[in-house]
């Protein structure tokens, strides 16, 4: 297993979620959910499909509002800030989509330039070129700069998606199923990249995944979403090296085939 950054001293919260409740009509999705993300930490969120992981992410970035509870992101209470403040806050949060979400009609260069054109109009051509080259170097794909997304492998598209997310230098990274659909070798490369991003750019991250190899290799801490709340939190070993009827099915599915 690759080495990962240890965050033993947790004092600086970048996300604080306390007693979060969210429902759609009579359907309760999150209930009394409490979770913290600390500066410099990779936090893995595990949970079955339909347990509210995607809803949680949407609440963090202000796409959904909590019905009850506290959601504080980088010192801002999400449901009480202005729309302009929310837009500014979103620039400090990077979201890496499960399907990479690249624009098929744009080259790799143009895909990476797009967030800068929209949000960093103060940058000149030279600065844009240098930042694009830095991000491609960071994900190990400098040679793809003029290629189209259709010419890339699934793993390469994931890497370019991460590069495009990183280009605004966010403080928080949100990864949605980063190894989904990838073979084991490519998945290991993506896991290493997530750790490299944490080390190089000092990001704090939430990683949503069903892949326990990913959880084990990138997570400083694991939080398991069960019955609408975070039932178990701790290191990978603390979560899975005990007999627990909620945790064991995840382990058995991933490692006992």
Protein backbone atom coordinates (compact mmCIF):
# COMPACT_ATOMS: atom_id res chain seq x y z
CA UNK A 1 0.00 0.00 0.00
CA UNK A 2 1.30 3.46 -0.88
CA UNK A 3 2.21 5.85 1.91
CA UNK A 4 -0.20 8.67 2.58
CA UNK A 5 -0.05 11.86 4.59
CA UNK A 6 -0.95 11.44 8.24
CA UNK A 7 -3.08 14.06 9.94
CA UNK A 8 -2.92 13.11 13.59
CA UNK A 9 -3.41 16.64 14.92
CA UNK A 10 -6.90 17.82 13.98
CA UNK A 11 -7.60 21.34 15.12
CA UNK A 12 -8.51 23.36 12.03
CA UNK A 13 -11.93 22.46 10.60
CA UNK A 14 -12.56 23.45 6.98
CA UNK A 15 -16.00 21.80 6.90
CA UNK A 16 -18.22 21.40 9.94
CA UNK A 17 -21.54 19.56 9.65
CA UNK A 18 -23.62 19.16 12.78
CA UNK A 19 -27.04 17.52 13.25
CA UNK A 20 -27.82 17.80 9.53
CA UNK A 21 -31.32 16.86 8.46
CA UNK A 22 -32.54 16.69 4.85
CA UNK A 23 -35.74 15.20 3.45
CA UNK A 24 -37.62 15.27 0.17
CA UNK A 25 -41.26 15.19 1.12
CA UNK A 26 -41.73 12.20 3.41
CA UNK A 27 -38.44 10.61 2.29
CA UNK A 28 -35.72 11.26 4.86
CA UNK A 29 -32.22 11.25 3.34
CA UNK A 30 -30.00 12.58 6.16
CA UNK A 31 -30.95 12.71 9.81
CA UNK A 32 -28.77 13.98 12.65
CA UNK A 33 -25.68 13.61 10.42
CA UNK A 34 -22.51 15.06 11.96
CA UNK A 35 -19.15 15.21 10.15
CA UNK A 36 -15.99 17.34 10.20
CA UNK A 37 -13.26 17.74 7.59
CA UNK A 38 -9.94 19.02 8.86
CA UNK A 39 -7.33 21.08 7.03
CA UNK A 40 -4.98 18.90 5.02
CA UNK A 41 -7.05 15.74 5.52
CA UNK A 42 -8.33 13.15 3.02
CA UNK A 43 -11.68 11.96 4.38
CA UNK A 44 -13.36 8.97 2.71
CA UNK A 45 -17.17 8.74 2.85
CA UNK A 46 -18.57 5.23 2.43
CA UNK A 47 -22.20 4.29 2.04
CA UNK A 48 -24.60 2.19 0.02
CA UNK A 49 -26.29 3.67 -3.04
CA UNK A 50 -29.14 5.92 -2.01
CA UNK A 51 -27.78 6.68 1.45
CA UNK A 52 -27.39 10.42 0.81
CA UNK A 53 -23.74 10.80 -0.22
CA UNK A 54 -24.54 12.87 -3.31
CA UNK A 55 -27.08 14.94 -1.36
CA UNK A 56 -24.37 15.67 1.21
CA UNK A 57 -22.02 16.99 -1.50
CA UNK A 58 -24.77 19.15 -3.01
CA UNK A 59 -25.46 20.68 0.41
CA UNK A 60 -21.75 21.41 0.94
CA UNK A 61 -21.56 23.40 -2.33
CA UNK A 62 -24.94 25.11 -1.79
CA UNK A 63 -26.89 23.35 -4.54
CA UNK A 64 -29.32 22.10 -1.88
CA UNK A 65 -30.27 23.70 1.43
CA UNK A 66 -30.35 21.79 4.72
CA UNK A 67 -33.74 21.48 6.39
CA UNK A 68 -32.09 21.59 9.82
CA UNK A 69 -28.60 21.64 11.26
CA UNK A 70 -25.31 23.47 10.78
CA UNK A 71 -23.23 23.34 7.58
CA UNK A 72 -20.15 25.54 7.80
CA UNK A 73 -17.65 25.56 4.92
CA UNK A 74 -14.41 27.54 5.17
CA UNK A 75 -15.95 29.73 7.86
CA UNK A 76 -19.23 30.37 6.03
CA UNK A 77 -22.61 29.02 7.06
CA UNK A 78 -23.94 27.77 3.74
CA UNK A 79 -27.63 28.56 4.21
CA UNK A 80 -27.11 32.13 5.44
CA UNK A 81 -24.70 33.68 2.92
CA UNK A 82 -25.59 35.77 -0.12
CA UNK A 83 -25.58 34.33 -3.64
CA UNK A 84 -22.42 36.29 -4.50
CA UNK A 85 -20.69 35.00 -1.37
CA UNK A 86 -21.74 31.47 -2.35
CA UNK A 87 -20.29 31.88 -5.86
CA UNK A 88 -17.02 33.14 -4.37
CA UNK A 89 -16.96 30.23 -1.94
CA UNK A 90 -17.48 27.70 -4.75
CA UNK A 91 -14.28 28.92 -6.39
CA UNK A 92 -12.44 27.64 -3.31
CA UNK A 93 -13.98 24.17 -3.72
CA UNK A 94 -13.06 21.79 -6.54
CA UNK A 95 -15.44 19.01 -7.60
CA UNK A 96 -14.07 16.05 -9.55
CA UNK A 97 -17.03 14.38 -11.25
CA UNK A 98 -17.36 10.61 -11.58
CA UNK A 99 -17.54 10.84 -15.40
CA UNK A 100 -14.81 13.55 -15.59
CA UNK A 101 -17.32 15.95 -17.26
CA UNK A 102 -14.94 17.04 -20.02
CA UNK A 103 -16.26 19.02 -22.99
CA UNK A 104 -16.03 16.66 -25.97
CA UNK A 105 -15.77 19.50 -28.50
CA UNK A 106 -12.73 21.05 -26.77
CA UNK A 107 -9.11 19.94 -26.71
CA UNK A 108 -7.46 19.11 -23.40
CA UNK A 109 -5.89 22.59 -23.41
CA UNK A 110 -9.26 24.25 -24.01
CA UNK A 111 -10.92 22.15 -21.28
CA UNK A 112 -8.35 23.35 -18.75
CA UNK A 113 -8.53 26.95 -19.96
CA UNK A 114 -12.32 27.07 -19.62
CA UNK A 115 -12.49 27.66 -15.82
CA UNK A 116 -9.81 30.34 -16.12
CA UNK A 117 -11.63 32.15 -18.93
CA UNK A 118 -14.79 32.22 -16.82
CA UNK A 119 -13.27 33.06 -13.44
CA UNK A 120 -9.77 34.52 -13.86
CA UNK A 121 -10.06 37.19 -16.52
CA UNK A 122 -7.17 39.08 -14.93
CA UNK A 123 -4.71 36.48 -16.25
CA UNK A 124 -2.77 37.11 -19.46
CA UNK A 125 -2.04 34.51 -22.13
CA UNK A 126 1.37 33.61 -20.74
CA UNK A 127 -0.03 33.05 -17.23
CA UNK A 128 -2.84 30.86 -18.60
CA UNK A 129 -0.40 28.77 -20.64
CA UNK A 130 1.91 28.30 -17.67
CA UNK A 131 -0.93 27.23 -15.37
CA UNK A 132 -2.32 24.76 -17.93
CA UNK A 133 1.15 23.26 -18.35
CA UNK A 134 1.61 23.06 -14.55
CA UNK A 135 -1.68 21.20 -14.09
CA UNK A 136 -0.96 18.74 -16.90
CA UNK A 137 2.47 18.10 -15.42
CA UNK A 138 0.88 17.55 -11.99
CA UNK A 139 -1.31 14.74 -13.39
CA UNK A 140 1.44 13.35 -15.63
CA UNK A 141 -0.25 14.07 -18.96
CA UNK A 142 1.66 16.98 -20.53
CA UNK A 143 1.73 15.13 -23.87
CA UNK A 144 -2.09 15.19 -24.20
CA UNK A 145 -2.42 18.98 -24.34
CA UNK A 146 -3.70 19.10 -27.94
CA UNK A 147 -5.71 15.88 -27.89
CA UNK A 148 -9.49 15.56 -27.81
CA UNK A 149 -11.22 13.77 -24.90
CA UNK A 150 -12.33 11.01 -27.29
CA UNK A 151 -8.66 10.15 -27.88
CA UNK A 152 -7.98 9.56 -24.17
CA UNK A 153 -8.38 6.42 -22.09
CA UNK A 154 -10.77 6.35 -19.13
CA UNK A 155 -7.91 6.83 -16.69
CA UNK A 156 -6.51 9.74 -18.69
CA UNK A 157 -9.92 11.43 -18.75
CA UNK A 158 -10.10 11.07 -14.96
CA UNK A 159 -6.68 12.69 -14.65
CA UNK A 160 -7.58 15.56 -16.98
CA UNK A 161 -10.81 16.08 -15.03
CA UNK A 162 -8.79 16.37 -11.83
CA UNK A 163 -6.36 18.77 -13.54
CA UNK A 164 -9.24 21.00 -14.65
CA UNK A 165 -10.62 20.98 -11.11
CA UNK A 166 -7.21 21.86 -9.68
CA UNK A 167 -6.52 24.74 -12.04
CA UNK A 168 -8.31 27.26 -9.81
CA UNK A 169 -6.18 26.06 -6.87
CA UNK A 170 -9.12 25.09 -4.61
CA UNK A 171 -8.65 24.62 -0.88
CA UNK A 172 -11.13 21.73 -0.75
CA UNK A 173 -11.41 18.87 -3.25
CA UNK A 174 -14.55 16.76 -3.56
CA UNK A 175 -14.01 13.47 -5.42
CA UNK A 176 -17.07 11.53 -6.60
CA UNK A 177 -16.22 7.83 -7.13
CA UNK A 178 -12.74 8.59 -8.52
CA UNK A 179 -11.92 4.96 -9.42
CA UNK A 180 -15.33 3.90 -10.75
CA UNK A 181 -15.11 1.98 -14.02
CA UNK A 182 -11.32 1.72 -13.98
CA UNK A 183 -9.14 -1.38 -13.99
CA UNK A 184 -7.12 -2.13 -10.81
CA UNK A 185 -3.80 -0.78 -12.18
CA UNK A 186 -5.36 2.50 -13.38
CA UNK A 187 -7.29 2.77 -10.11
CA UNK A 188 -4.00 2.52 -8.20
CA UNK A 189 -2.61 5.36 -10.35
CA UNK A 190 -5.64 7.54 -9.51
CA UNK A 191 -5.24 6.76 -5.81
CA UNK A 192 -1.61 7.86 -6.00
CA UNK A 193 -2.67 11.03 -7.81
CA UNK A 194 -5.18 11.90 -5.06
CA UNK A 195 -2.38 11.55 -2.49
CA UNK A 196 -0.01 13.56 -4.69
CA UNK A 197 -2.59 16.37 -4.98
CA UNK A 198 -2.98 16.42 -1.20
CA UNK A 199 0.78 16.65 -0.69
CA UNK A 200 1.60 19.10 -3.51
CA UNK A 201 -1.34 21.50 -3.15
CA UNK A 202 -2.15 21.00 0.56
CA UNK A 203 -5.78 20.31 -0.20
CA UNK A 204 -8.43 19.00 2.16
CA UNK A 205 -10.65 16.41 0.47
CA UNK A 206 -13.80 14.37 0.75
CA UNK A 207 -13.65 11.21 -1.35
CA UNK A 208 -16.91 9.39 -2.01
CA UNK A 209 -16.19 5.80 -3.02
CA UNK A 210 -17.36 2.18 -2.86
CA UNK A 211 -13.79 1.03 -3.56
CA UNK A 212 -12.20 -0.06 -0.29
CA UNK A 213 -8.74 -0.26 -1.87
CA UNK A 214 -9.15 3.43 -2.70
CA UNK A 215 -10.41 4.12 0.83
CA UNK A 216 -7.46 2.29 2.36
CA UNK A 217 -4.84 3.98 0.19
CA UNK A 218 -6.04 7.60 0.25
CA UNK A 219 -8.09 8.03 3.42
CA UNK A 220 -6.57 9.53 6.53
CA UNK A 221 -10.00 8.88 8.01
CA UNK A 222 -13.13 6.99 6.96
CA UNK A 223 -16.74 7.90 7.73
CA UNK A 224 -19.49 5.36 7.07
CA UNK A 225 -22.96 6.69 6.24
CA UNK A 226 -25.52 4.26 7.65
CA UNK A 227 -29.21 4.81 8.42
CA UNK A 228 -29.04 8.49 7.40
CA UNK A 229 -26.16 9.38 9.74
CA UNK A 230 -22.42 8.80 10.11
CA UNK A 231 -22.53 5.65 12.18
CA UNK A 232 -18.78 4.93 12.31
CA UNK A 233 -15.74 7.19 11.90
CA UNK A 234 -12.03 6.45 12.26
CA UNK A 235 -9.04 5.03 10.42
CA UNK A 236 -9.58 2.26 7.88
CA UNK A 237 -8.29 -0.26 10.40
CA UNK A 238 -10.59 1.04 13.14
CA UNK A 239 -13.60 0.70 10.84
CA UNK A 240 -12.88 -2.73 9.36
CA UNK A 241 -10.69 -4.62 11.81
CA UNK A 242 -13.70 -5.29 14.01
CA UNK A 243 -16.79 -7.42 13.58
CA UNK A 244 -19.58 -5.06 12.68
CA UNK A 245 -22.74 -5.98 10.80
CA UNK A 246 -22.79 -2.60 9.06
CA UNK A 247 -19.12 -2.51 8.00
CA UNK A 248 -18.48 -6.17 7.18
CA UNK A 249 -20.58 -6.33 3.96
CA UNK A 250 -18.44 -3.54 2.43
CA UNK A 251 -15.28 -5.42 3.27
CA UNK A 252 -16.59 -8.78 2.06
CA UNK A 253 -17.78 -7.34 -1.26
CA UNK A 254 -14.45 -5.67 -2.00
CA UNK A 255 -11.99 -8.26 -0.72
CA UNK A 256 -13.77 -11.63 -0.64
CA UNK A 257 -14.78 -12.51 -4.19
